[in-house]
């Protein structure tokens, strides 16, 4: 249940982020909201920050999660004498 709520929150924030960029930086104001009125080609540049941030986050998480998994696997191996059980994959 907790995973479901976490995923729903993340997808909700992602949806708001992606829809708000076009409203804020679009070529014309929509719904009476403020707009920077960038041209169509430069509006797409506003997505680069989210893209690069996601890529950096993937690299950092992959590095630390792999290290955490190796530690847990080694600890499980010492405790139970070989063979990785399903418990190693759990946080």
C-alpha atoms as a PDB file:
ATOM      1  CA  UNK A   1       0.000   0.000   0.000  1.00  0.00           C
ATOM      2  CA  UNK A   2       2.849   2.352   0.860  1.00  0.00           C
ATOM      3  CA  UNK A   3       4.523   1.674  -2.498  1.00  0.00           C
ATOM      4  CA  UNK A   4       1.276   2.457  -4.282  1.00  0.00           C
ATOM      5  CA  UNK A   5       0.917   5.810  -2.542  1.00  0.00           C
ATOM      6  CA  UNK A   6       4.575   6.630  -3.159  1.00  0.00           C
ATOM      7  CA  UNK A   7       4.248   5.881  -6.884  1.00  0.00           C
ATOM      8  CA  UNK A   8       1.022   7.870  -7.114  1.00  0.00           C
ATOM      9  CA  UNK A   9       2.684  10.871  -5.493  1.00  0.00           C
ATOM     10  CA  UNK A  10       5.706  10.707  -7.774  1.00  0.00           C
ATOM     11  CA  UNK A  11       3.588  10.398 -10.918  1.00  0.00           C
ATOM     12  CA  UNK A  12       1.366  13.259  -9.757  1.00  0.00           C
ATOM     13  CA  UNK A  13       4.334  15.568  -9.206  1.00  0.00           C
ATOM     14  CA  UNK A  14       5.845  14.529 -12.539  1.00  0.00           C
ATOM     15  CA  UNK A  15       2.558  15.265 -14.329  1.00  0.00           C
ATOM     16  CA  UNK A  16       2.265  18.693 -12.701  1.00  0.00           C
ATOM     17  CA  UNK A  17       5.884  19.476 -13.561  1.00  0.00           C
ATOM     18  CA  UNK A  18       5.579  18.508 -17.210  1.00  0.00           C
ATOM     19  CA  UNK A  19       2.290  20.344 -17.785  1.00  0.00           C
ATOM     20  CA  UNK A  20       3.368  23.468 -15.916  1.00  0.00           C
ATOM     21  CA  UNK A  21       6.528  23.946 -18.017  1.00  0.00           C
ATOM     22  CA  UNK A  22       4.524  24.487 -21.190  1.00  0.00           C
ATOM     23  CA  UNK A  23       2.140  26.869 -19.430  1.00  0.00           C
ATOM     24  CA  UNK A  24       4.946  28.918 -17.882  1.00  0.00           C
ATOM     25  CA  UNK A  25       7.341  29.085 -20.834  1.00  0.00           C
ATOM     26  CA  UNK A  26       4.891  28.757 -23.747  1.00  0.00           C
ATOM     27  CA  UNK A  27       4.683  31.247 -26.606  1.00  0.00           C
ATOM     28  CA  UNK A  28       1.375  32.754 -25.423  1.00  0.00           C
ATOM     29  CA  UNK A  29      -0.401  33.089 -22.067  1.00  0.00           C
ATOM     30  CA  UNK A  30      -3.024  30.414 -21.426  1.00  0.00           C
ATOM     31  CA  UNK A  31      -5.912  30.674 -18.942  1.00  0.00           C
ATOM     32  CA  UNK A  32      -4.794  34.183 -18.013  1.00  0.00           C
ATOM     33  CA  UNK A  33      -1.607  32.883 -16.366  1.00  0.00           C
ATOM     34  CA  UNK A  34       1.781  34.572 -16.582  1.00  0.00           C
ATOM     35  CA  UNK A  35       4.019  33.317 -19.393  1.00  0.00           C
ATOM     36  CA  UNK A  36       7.612  34.105 -20.333  1.00  0.00           C
ATOM     37  CA  UNK A  37       6.518  33.822 -23.982  1.00  0.00           C
ATOM     38  CA  UNK A  38       9.495  31.865 -25.248  1.00  0.00           C
ATOM     39  CA  UNK A  39       9.383  30.740 -28.862  1.00  0.00           C
ATOM     40  CA  UNK A  40       8.504  27.146 -29.634  1.00  0.00           C
ATOM     41  CA  UNK A  41      12.120  26.052 -30.071  1.00  0.00           C
ATOM     42  CA  UNK A  42      13.331  27.555 -26.803  1.00  0.00           C
ATOM     43  CA  UNK A  43      10.361  26.282 -24.789  1.00  0.00           C
ATOM     44  CA  UNK A  44      11.718  22.770 -25.246  1.00  0.00           C
ATOM     45  CA  UNK A  45      14.973  23.805 -23.537  1.00  0.00           C
ATOM     46  CA  UNK A  46      13.101  24.117 -20.257  1.00  0.00           C
ATOM     47  CA  UNK A  47      12.859  20.310 -20.147  1.00  0.00           C
ATOM     48  CA  UNK A  48      16.647  19.864 -20.182  1.00  0.00           C
ATOM     49  CA  UNK A  49      17.000  20.568 -16.465  1.00  0.00           C
ATOM     50  CA  UNK A  50      14.583  17.779 -15.557  1.00  0.00           C
ATOM     51  CA  UNK A  51      16.225  15.430 -18.041  1.00  0.00           C
ATOM     52  CA  UNK A  52      19.778  16.000 -16.839  1.00  0.00           C
ATOM     53  CA  UNK A  53      18.662  15.846 -13.212  1.00  0.00           C
ATOM     54  CA  UNK A  54      16.998  12.496 -13.838  1.00  0.00           C
ATOM     55  CA  UNK A  55      20.086  11.099 -15.527  1.00  0.00           C
ATOM     56  CA  UNK A  56      22.360  12.232 -12.692  1.00  0.00           C
ATOM     57  CA  UNK A  57      19.926  10.740 -10.177  1.00  0.00           C
ATOM     58  CA  UNK A  58      19.938   7.403 -12.008  1.00  0.00           C
ATOM     59  CA  UNK A  59      23.729   7.244 -11.949  1.00  0.00           C
ATOM     60  CA  UNK A  60      23.960   8.147  -8.257  1.00  0.00           C
ATOM     61  CA  UNK A  61      21.211   5.715  -7.223  1.00  0.00           C
ATOM     62  CA  UNK A  62      22.729   2.893  -9.269  1.00  0.00           C
ATOM     63  CA  UNK A  63      26.097   3.418  -7.609  1.00  0.00           C
ATOM     64  CA  UNK A  64      24.795   3.490  -4.034  1.00  0.00           C
ATOM     65  CA  UNK A  65      22.112   0.813  -4.420  1.00  0.00           C
ATOM     66  CA  UNK A  66      24.658  -1.599  -5.880  1.00  0.00           C
ATOM     67  CA  UNK A  67      26.987  -0.948  -2.952  1.00  0.00           C
ATOM     68  CA  UNK A  68      24.128  -1.509  -0.514  1.00  0.00           C
ATOM     69  CA  UNK A  69      23.145  -4.768  -2.221  1.00  0.00           C
ATOM     70  CA  UNK A  70      26.711  -6.091  -2.102  1.00  0.00           C
ATOM     71  CA  UNK A  71      26.945  -5.274   1.605  1.00  0.00           C
ATOM     72  CA  UNK A  72      23.649  -7.006   2.375  1.00  0.00           C
ATOM     73  CA  UNK A  73      24.596 -10.056   0.266  1.00  0.00           C
ATOM     74  CA  UNK A  74      27.965 -10.367   2.019  1.00  0.00           C
ATOM     75  CA  UNK A  75      26.315 -10.055   5.436  1.00  0.00           C
ATOM     76  CA  UNK A  76      23.703 -12.677   4.534  1.00  0.00           C
ATOM     77  CA  UNK A  77      26.419 -14.998   3.228  1.00  0.00           C
ATOM     78  CA  UNK A  78      28.402 -14.715   6.472  1.00  0.00           C
ATOM     79  CA  UNK A  79      25.317 -15.289   8.586  1.00  0.00           C
ATOM     80  CA  UNK A  80      23.753 -18.186   6.662  1.00  0.00           C
ATOM     81  CA  UNK A  81      26.736 -19.756   4.923  1.00  0.00           C
ATOM     82  CA  UNK A  82      26.263 -19.294   1.177  1.00  0.00           C
ATOM     83  CA  UNK A  83      23.447 -18.835  -1.294  1.00  0.00           C
ATOM     84  CA  UNK A  84      21.502 -15.638  -1.492  1.00  0.00           C
ATOM     85  CA  UNK A  85      17.948 -15.810  -0.266  1.00  0.00           C
ATOM     86  CA  UNK A  86      15.138 -13.482  -1.171  1.00  0.00           C
ATOM     87  CA  UNK A  87      15.767 -11.508   2.005  1.00  0.00           C
ATOM     88  CA  UNK A  88      18.902  -9.985   0.503  1.00  0.00           C
ATOM     89  CA  UNK A  89      16.840  -8.016  -2.015  1.00  0.00           C
ATOM     90  CA  UNK A  90      14.624  -6.487   0.664  1.00  0.00           C
ATOM     91  CA  UNK A  91      15.599  -3.166   2.249  1.00  0.00           C
END
